[in-house]
Amino acid sequence: MKTTELRQKDVAGIETEIKALQKAHFGLRMQKATQQLGNTNTLRATRRDIARAKTILAEKQAAK
């Protein structure tokens, strides 16, 4: 998800996005553990998306 899309969301929207990304990341980790994950780059991408969302969430909460 792009930063511009995240910045348009409110705090609750970003929190739900983080939960969804964490759930997706867990699923990818389970696929990797069972040797079903073909593209391991998706793990890195979801980790970075989570970090990006958490950073924007912290910025929004600090601005309040």
N, C-alpha and C. Protein backbone atom coordinates (compact mmCIF):
# COMPACT_ATOMS: atom_id res chain seq x y z
N MET A 1 0.84 -1.18 0.00
CA MET A 1 0.00 0.00 0.00
C MET A 1 0.89 1.24 0.00
N LYS A 2 0.50 2.22 -0.76
CA LYS A 2 1.28 3.44 -0.88
C LYS A 2 1.06 4.34 0.33
N THR A 3 2.04 5.19 0.58
CA THR A 3 1.94 6.09 1.73
C THR A 3 0.83 7.11 1.54
N THR A 4 0.57 7.52 0.31
CA THR A 4 -0.49 8.50 0.09
C THR A 4 -1.85 7.92 0.44
N GLU A 5 -2.04 6.63 0.17
CA GLU A 5 -3.30 5.97 0.52
C GLU A 5 -3.43 5.86 2.03
N LEU A 6 -2.33 5.56 2.72
CA LEU A 6 -2.37 5.44 4.17
C LEU A 6 -2.63 6.78 4.84
N ARG A 7 -2.02 7.82 4.32
CA ARG A 7 -2.17 9.15 4.93
C ARG A 7 -3.60 9.68 4.80
N GLN A 8 -4.35 9.19 3.84
CA GLN A 8 -5.73 9.62 3.66
C GLN A 8 -6.67 8.97 4.66
N LYS A 9 -6.25 7.85 5.26
CA LYS A 9 -7.10 7.13 6.20
C LYS A 9 -7.01 7.78 7.59
N ASP A 10 -8.03 7.51 8.39
CA ASP A 10 -7.99 7.99 9.77
C ASP A 10 -7.26 6.95 10.63
N VAL A 11 -7.12 7.25 11.92
CA VAL A 11 -6.36 6.39 12.82
C VAL A 11 -6.97 4.99 12.88
N ALA A 12 -8.29 4.90 12.99
CA ALA A 12 -8.94 3.59 13.06
C ALA A 12 -8.72 2.79 11.78
N GLY A 13 -8.75 3.46 10.64
CA GLY A 13 -8.52 2.79 9.37
C GLY A 13 -7.11 2.25 9.25
N ILE A 14 -6.16 3.02 9.75
CA ILE A 14 -4.77 2.57 9.70
C ILE A 14 -4.58 1.37 10.64
N GLU A 15 -5.22 1.42 11.80
CA GLU A 15 -5.09 0.30 12.73
C GLU A 15 -5.66 -0.99 12.15
N THR A 16 -6.78 -0.89 11.45
CA THR A 16 -7.35 -2.08 10.82
C THR A 16 -6.46 -2.58 9.69
N GLU A 17 -5.83 -1.65 8.99
CA GLU A 17 -4.90 -2.02 7.92
C GLU A 17 -3.69 -2.75 8.49
N ILE A 18 -3.19 -2.29 9.63
CA ILE A 18 -2.05 -2.94 10.28
C ILE A 18 -2.43 -4.36 10.69
N LYS A 19 -3.62 -4.52 11.26
CA LYS A 19 -4.06 -5.86 11.67
C LYS A 19 -4.18 -6.79 10.47
N ALA A 20 -4.70 -6.27 9.38
CA ALA A 20 -4.84 -7.09 8.17
C ALA A 20 -3.47 -7.48 7.61
N LEU A 21 -2.53 -6.54 7.64
CA LEU A 21 -1.19 -6.84 7.15
C LEU A 21 -0.49 -7.86 8.04
N GLN A 22 -0.68 -7.75 9.35
CA GLN A 22 -0.07 -8.70 10.25
C GLN A 22 -0.66 -10.10 10.06
N LYS A 23 -1.95 -10.16 9.80
CA LYS A 23 -2.59 -11.45 9.54
C LYS A 23 -2.06 -12.06 8.24
N ALA A 24 -1.90 -11.22 7.22
CA ALA A 24 -1.36 -11.69 5.95
C ALA A 24 0.08 -12.16 6.12
N HIS A 25 0.86 -11.42 6.91
CA HIS A 25 2.26 -11.79 7.14
C HIS A 25 2.35 -13.13 7.88
N PHE A 26 1.46 -13.34 8.83
CA PHE A 26 1.43 -14.62 9.54
C PHE A 26 1.14 -15.77 8.57
N GLY A 27 0.17 -15.56 7.69
CA GLY A 27 -0.15 -16.58 6.70
C GLY A 27 1.03 -16.89 5.79
N LEU A 28 1.76 -15.85 5.40
CA LEU A 28 2.93 -16.06 4.55
C LEU A 28 4.03 -16.81 5.30
N ARG A 29 4.19 -16.50 6.58
CA ARG A 29 5.20 -17.23 7.38
C ARG A 29 4.84 -18.70 7.50
N MET A 30 3.55 -18.99 7.65
CA MET A 30 3.13 -20.39 7.74
C MET A 30 3.35 -21.10 6.41
N GLN A 31 3.10 -20.40 5.31
CA GLN A 31 3.35 -21.00 3.99
C GLN A 31 4.84 -21.28 3.81
N LYS A 32 5.68 -20.37 4.29
CA LYS A 32 7.12 -20.58 4.17
C LYS A 32 7.55 -21.77 5.00
N ALA A 33 6.99 -21.90 6.19
CA ALA A 33 7.36 -23.00 7.07
C ALA A 33 6.96 -24.36 6.49
N THR A 34 5.87 -24.39 5.74
CA THR A 34 5.42 -25.65 5.16
C THR A 34 5.89 -25.82 3.71
N GLN A 35 6.84 -24.99 3.31
CA GLN A 35 7.44 -25.07 1.97
C GLN A 35 6.43 -24.82 0.86
N GLN A 36 5.39 -24.01 1.10
CA GLN A 36 4.39 -23.73 0.08
C GLN A 36 4.55 -22.34 -0.51
N LEU A 37 5.45 -21.54 0.03
CA LEU A 37 5.61 -20.17 -0.44
C LEU A 37 6.62 -20.14 -1.57
N GLY A 38 6.17 -19.69 -2.73
CA GLY A 38 7.07 -19.65 -3.87
C GLY A 38 7.92 -18.40 -3.90
N ASN A 39 7.32 -17.26 -3.62
CA ASN A 39 8.03 -15.99 -3.70
C ASN A 39 8.25 -15.46 -2.29
N THR A 40 9.46 -15.60 -1.79
CA THR A 40 9.75 -15.18 -0.42
C THR A 40 9.90 -13.66 -0.30
N ASN A 41 9.94 -12.97 -1.41
CA ASN A 41 10.03 -11.50 -1.36
C ASN A 41 8.77 -10.88 -0.79
N THR A 42 7.66 -11.60 -0.83
CA THR A 42 6.42 -11.06 -0.28
C THR A 42 6.50 -10.89 1.23
N LEU A 43 7.32 -11.72 1.90
CA LEU A 43 7.52 -11.55 3.34
C LEU A 43 8.15 -10.20 3.63
N ARG A 44 9.16 -9.86 2.88
CA ARG A 44 9.85 -8.58 3.06
C ARG A 44 8.91 -7.42 2.77
N ALA A 45 8.12 -7.56 1.73
CA ALA A 45 7.21 -6.49 1.34
C ALA A 45 6.14 -6.24 2.41
N THR A 46 5.60 -7.32 2.96
CA THR A 46 4.57 -7.13 3.99
C THR A 46 5.18 -6.57 5.27
N ARG A 47 6.38 -7.00 5.61
CA ARG A 47 7.05 -6.44 6.78
C ARG A 47 7.24 -4.93 6.64
N ARG A 48 7.65 -4.53 5.46
CA ARG A 48 7.86 -3.10 5.22
C ARG A 48 6.55 -2.33 5.17
N ASP A 49 5.50 -2.95 4.65
CA ASP A 49 4.18 -2.31 4.66
C ASP A 49 3.68 -2.10 6.08
N ILE A 50 3.92 -3.10 6.94
CA ILE A 50 3.53 -2.97 8.35
C ILE A 50 4.29 -1.82 8.99
N ALA A 51 5.58 -1.76 8.75
CA ALA A 51 6.40 -0.70 9.34
C ALA A 51 5.96 0.67 8.82
N ARG A 52 5.65 0.75 7.55
CA ARG A 52 5.20 2.01 6.96
C ARG A 52 3.89 2.47 7.60
N ALA A 53 2.96 1.53 7.78
CA ALA A 53 1.68 1.87 8.37
C ALA A 53 1.84 2.28 9.84
N LYS A 54 2.71 1.59 10.57
CA LYS A 54 2.94 1.94 11.96
C LYS A 54 3.59 3.31 12.10
N THR A 55 4.46 3.65 11.18
CA THR A 55 5.11 4.96 11.21
C THR A 55 4.09 6.07 10.97
N ILE A 56 3.23 5.89 10.00
CA ILE A 56 2.21 6.90 9.71
C ILE A 56 1.22 6.99 10.86
N LEU A 57 0.89 5.86 11.48
CA LEU A 57 0.01 5.86 12.64
C LEU A 57 0.63 6.66 13.79
N ALA A 58 1.91 6.47 14.03
CA ALA A 58 2.59 7.21 15.10
C ALA A 58 2.62 8.70 14.80
N GLU A 59 2.81 9.05 13.53
CA GLU A 59 2.81 10.47 13.15
C GLU A 59 1.45 11.09 13.40
N LYS A 60 0.39 10.37 13.04
CA LYS A 60 -0.95 10.90 13.24
C LYS A 60 -1.30 11.03 14.72
N GLN A 61 -0.88 10.07 15.52
CA GLN A 61 -1.17 10.12 16.95
C GLN A 61 -0.36 11.22 17.63
N ALA A 62 0.85 11.48 17.16
CA ALA A 62 1.66 12.55 17.74
C ALA A 62 1.13 13.92 17.37
N ALA A 63 0.46 14.00 16.23
CA ALA A 63 -0.08 15.29 15.77
C ALA A 63 -1.30 15.70 16.57
N LYS A 64 -1.96 14.75 17.21
CA LYS A 64 -3.17 15.07 17.98
C LYS A 64 -2.85 15.71 19.29
